[in-house]
């Protein structure tokens, strides 16, 4: 049996129904991994899953890989992971 004590693993899930274009899904997954790495020292060990539960408004983020989308995702992920470590 594998010994996972004291380790952190991340799963990032972005459903196609919430982000139709692959470039958008990949951008969001990169943001998820980046946010997890920023917060990793303060998070407890375990298996972590970050899942996009609702779509970002396509009319607000017109470009598939816009800087505004990346910034919004980063802010939301930082809030989520800050709350998770409490």
C-alpha atoms as a PDB file:
ATOM      1  CA  UNK A   1       0.000   0.000   0.000  1.00  0.00           C
ATOM      2  CA  UNK A   2       1.238   3.481  -0.842  1.00  0.00           C
ATOM      3  CA  UNK A   3       2.132   5.738   2.055  1.00  0.00           C
ATOM      4  CA  UNK A   4       0.464   9.113   1.379  1.00  0.00           C
ATOM      5  CA  UNK A   5       0.866  10.511   4.889  1.00  0.00           C
ATOM      6  CA  UNK A   6       2.105  14.074   4.833  1.00  0.00           C
ATOM      7  CA  UNK A   7       1.666  14.598   1.095  1.00  0.00           C
ATOM      8  CA  UNK A   8      -0.595  16.819  -0.943  1.00  0.00           C
ATOM      9  CA  UNK A   9      -2.038  15.811  -4.293  1.00  0.00           C
ATOM     10  CA  UNK A  10      -4.153  18.029  -6.514  1.00  0.00           C
ATOM     11  CA  UNK A  11      -6.840  17.187  -9.034  1.00  0.00           C
ATOM     12  CA  UNK A  12      -8.106  20.001 -11.269  1.00  0.00           C
ATOM     13  CA  UNK A  13     -11.421  19.524 -13.063  1.00  0.00           C
ATOM     14  CA  UNK A  14     -12.913  21.937 -15.596  1.00  0.00           C
ATOM     15  CA  UNK A  15     -15.993  20.456 -17.315  1.00  0.00           C
ATOM     16  CA  UNK A  16     -16.413  21.115 -21.014  1.00  0.00           C
ATOM     17  CA  UNK A  17     -19.965  22.351 -20.425  1.00  0.00           C
ATOM     18  CA  UNK A  18     -18.569  25.265 -18.351  1.00  0.00           C
ATOM     19  CA  UNK A  19     -15.619  26.115 -20.608  1.00  0.00           C
ATOM     20  CA  UNK A  20     -16.218  25.056 -24.214  1.00  0.00           C
ATOM     21  CA  UNK A  21     -12.800  25.924 -25.635  1.00  0.00           C
ATOM     22  CA  UNK A  22      -9.760  23.836 -24.721  1.00  0.00           C
ATOM     23  CA  UNK A  23      -7.613  26.950 -24.380  1.00  0.00           C
ATOM     24  CA  UNK A  24      -9.975  28.257 -21.690  1.00  0.00           C
ATOM     25  CA  UNK A  25     -10.037  24.928 -19.845  1.00  0.00           C
ATOM     26  CA  UNK A  26      -6.245  24.751 -19.920  1.00  0.00           C
ATOM     27  CA  UNK A  27      -5.930  28.347 -18.713  1.00  0.00           C
ATOM     28  CA  UNK A  28      -8.229  27.631 -15.774  1.00  0.00           C
ATOM     29  CA  UNK A  29      -6.357  24.432 -14.877  1.00  0.00           C
ATOM     30  CA  UNK A  30      -3.056  26.330 -14.935  1.00  0.00           C
ATOM     31  CA  UNK A  31      -4.586  28.918 -12.602  1.00  0.00           C
ATOM     32  CA  UNK A  32      -5.762  26.115 -10.281  1.00  0.00           C
ATOM     33  CA  UNK A  33      -2.320  24.498 -10.133  1.00  0.00           C
ATOM     34  CA  UNK A  34      -0.629  27.859  -9.628  1.00  0.00           C
ATOM     35  CA  UNK A  35      -2.969  28.850  -6.786  1.00  0.00           C
ATOM     36  CA  UNK A  36      -2.472  25.468  -5.133  1.00  0.00           C
ATOM     37  CA  UNK A  37       1.310  25.877  -5.287  1.00  0.00           C
ATOM     38  CA  UNK A  38       1.064  29.365  -3.727  1.00  0.00           C
ATOM     39  CA  UNK A  39      -1.020  28.014  -0.823  1.00  0.00           C
ATOM     40  CA  UNK A  40       0.628  24.580  -0.502  1.00  0.00           C
ATOM     41  CA  UNK A  41       2.764  25.368   2.595  1.00  0.00           C
ATOM     42  CA  UNK A  42      -0.308  26.407   4.590  1.00  0.00           C
ATOM     43  CA  UNK A  43      -2.676  23.608   3.470  1.00  0.00           C
ATOM     44  CA  UNK A  44      -3.055  20.334   5.350  1.00  0.00           C
ATOM     45  CA  UNK A  45      -1.870  17.111   3.754  1.00  0.00           C
ATOM     46  CA  UNK A  46      -4.354  15.136   1.707  1.00  0.00           C
ATOM     47  CA  UNK A  47      -5.947  14.669  -1.662  1.00  0.00           C
ATOM     48  CA  UNK A  48      -7.346  17.952  -2.983  1.00  0.00           C
ATOM     49  CA  UNK A  49      -9.824  18.399  -5.824  1.00  0.00           C
ATOM     50  CA  UNK A  50     -10.645  21.783  -7.315  1.00  0.00           C
ATOM     51  CA  UNK A  51     -13.648  21.711  -9.642  1.00  0.00           C
ATOM     52  CA  UNK A  52     -15.229  24.509 -11.627  1.00  0.00           C
ATOM     53  CA  UNK A  53     -18.876  24.364 -10.563  1.00  0.00           C
ATOM     54  CA  UNK A  54     -20.320  27.114 -12.726  1.00  0.00           C
ATOM     55  CA  UNK A  55     -19.238  28.779 -15.946  1.00  0.00           C
ATOM     56  CA  UNK A  56     -17.611  32.153 -16.251  1.00  0.00           C
ATOM     57  CA  UNK A  57     -19.811  34.524 -18.279  1.00  0.00           C
ATOM     58  CA  UNK A  58     -18.650  34.281 -21.922  1.00  0.00           C
ATOM     59  CA  UNK A  59     -20.066  37.733 -22.672  1.00  0.00           C
ATOM     60  CA  UNK A  60     -17.859  39.204 -19.942  1.00  0.00           C
ATOM     61  CA  UNK A  61     -14.701  37.291 -20.942  1.00  0.00           C
ATOM     62  CA  UNK A  62     -14.865  37.398 -24.728  1.00  0.00           C
ATOM     63  CA  UNK A  63     -11.375  36.048 -25.389  1.00  0.00           C
ATOM     64  CA  UNK A  64     -10.755  32.367 -24.633  1.00  0.00           C
ATOM     65  CA  UNK A  65      -7.543  33.249 -22.798  1.00  0.00           C
ATOM     66  CA  UNK A  66      -8.088  36.777 -21.583  1.00  0.00           C
ATOM     67  CA  UNK A  67      -6.052  38.437 -18.861  1.00  0.00           C
ATOM     68  CA  UNK A  68      -9.314  39.435 -17.168  1.00  0.00           C
ATOM     69  CA  UNK A  69     -10.411  35.785 -16.958  1.00  0.00           C
ATOM     70  CA  UNK A  70      -7.061  34.717 -15.513  1.00  0.00           C
ATOM     71  CA  UNK A  71      -7.191  37.533 -12.948  1.00  0.00           C
ATOM     72  CA  UNK A  72     -10.775  36.689 -11.922  1.00  0.00           C
ATOM     73  CA  UNK A  73      -9.927  32.991 -11.600  1.00  0.00           C
ATOM     74  CA  UNK A  74      -6.816  33.773  -9.548  1.00  0.00           C
ATOM     75  CA  UNK A  75      -8.741  35.992  -7.127  1.00  0.00           C
ATOM     76  CA  UNK A  76     -11.507  33.427  -6.664  1.00  0.00           C
ATOM     77  CA  UNK A  77      -9.048  30.557  -6.180  1.00  0.00           C
ATOM     78  CA  UNK A  78      -7.033  32.527  -3.623  1.00  0.00           C
ATOM     79  CA  UNK A  79     -10.215  33.212  -1.663  1.00  0.00           C
ATOM     80  CA  UNK A  80     -11.256  29.570  -1.848  1.00  0.00           C
ATOM     81  CA  UNK A  81      -7.887  28.185  -0.734  1.00  0.00           C
ATOM     82  CA  UNK A  82      -7.556  30.758   2.055  1.00  0.00           C
ATOM     83  CA  UNK A  83     -10.921  29.606   3.370  1.00  0.00           C
ATOM     84  CA  UNK A  84      -9.946  25.934   3.001  1.00  0.00           C
ATOM     85  CA  UNK A  85      -6.890  26.218   5.213  1.00  0.00           C
ATOM     86  CA  UNK A  86      -8.903  27.413   8.231  1.00  0.00           C
END
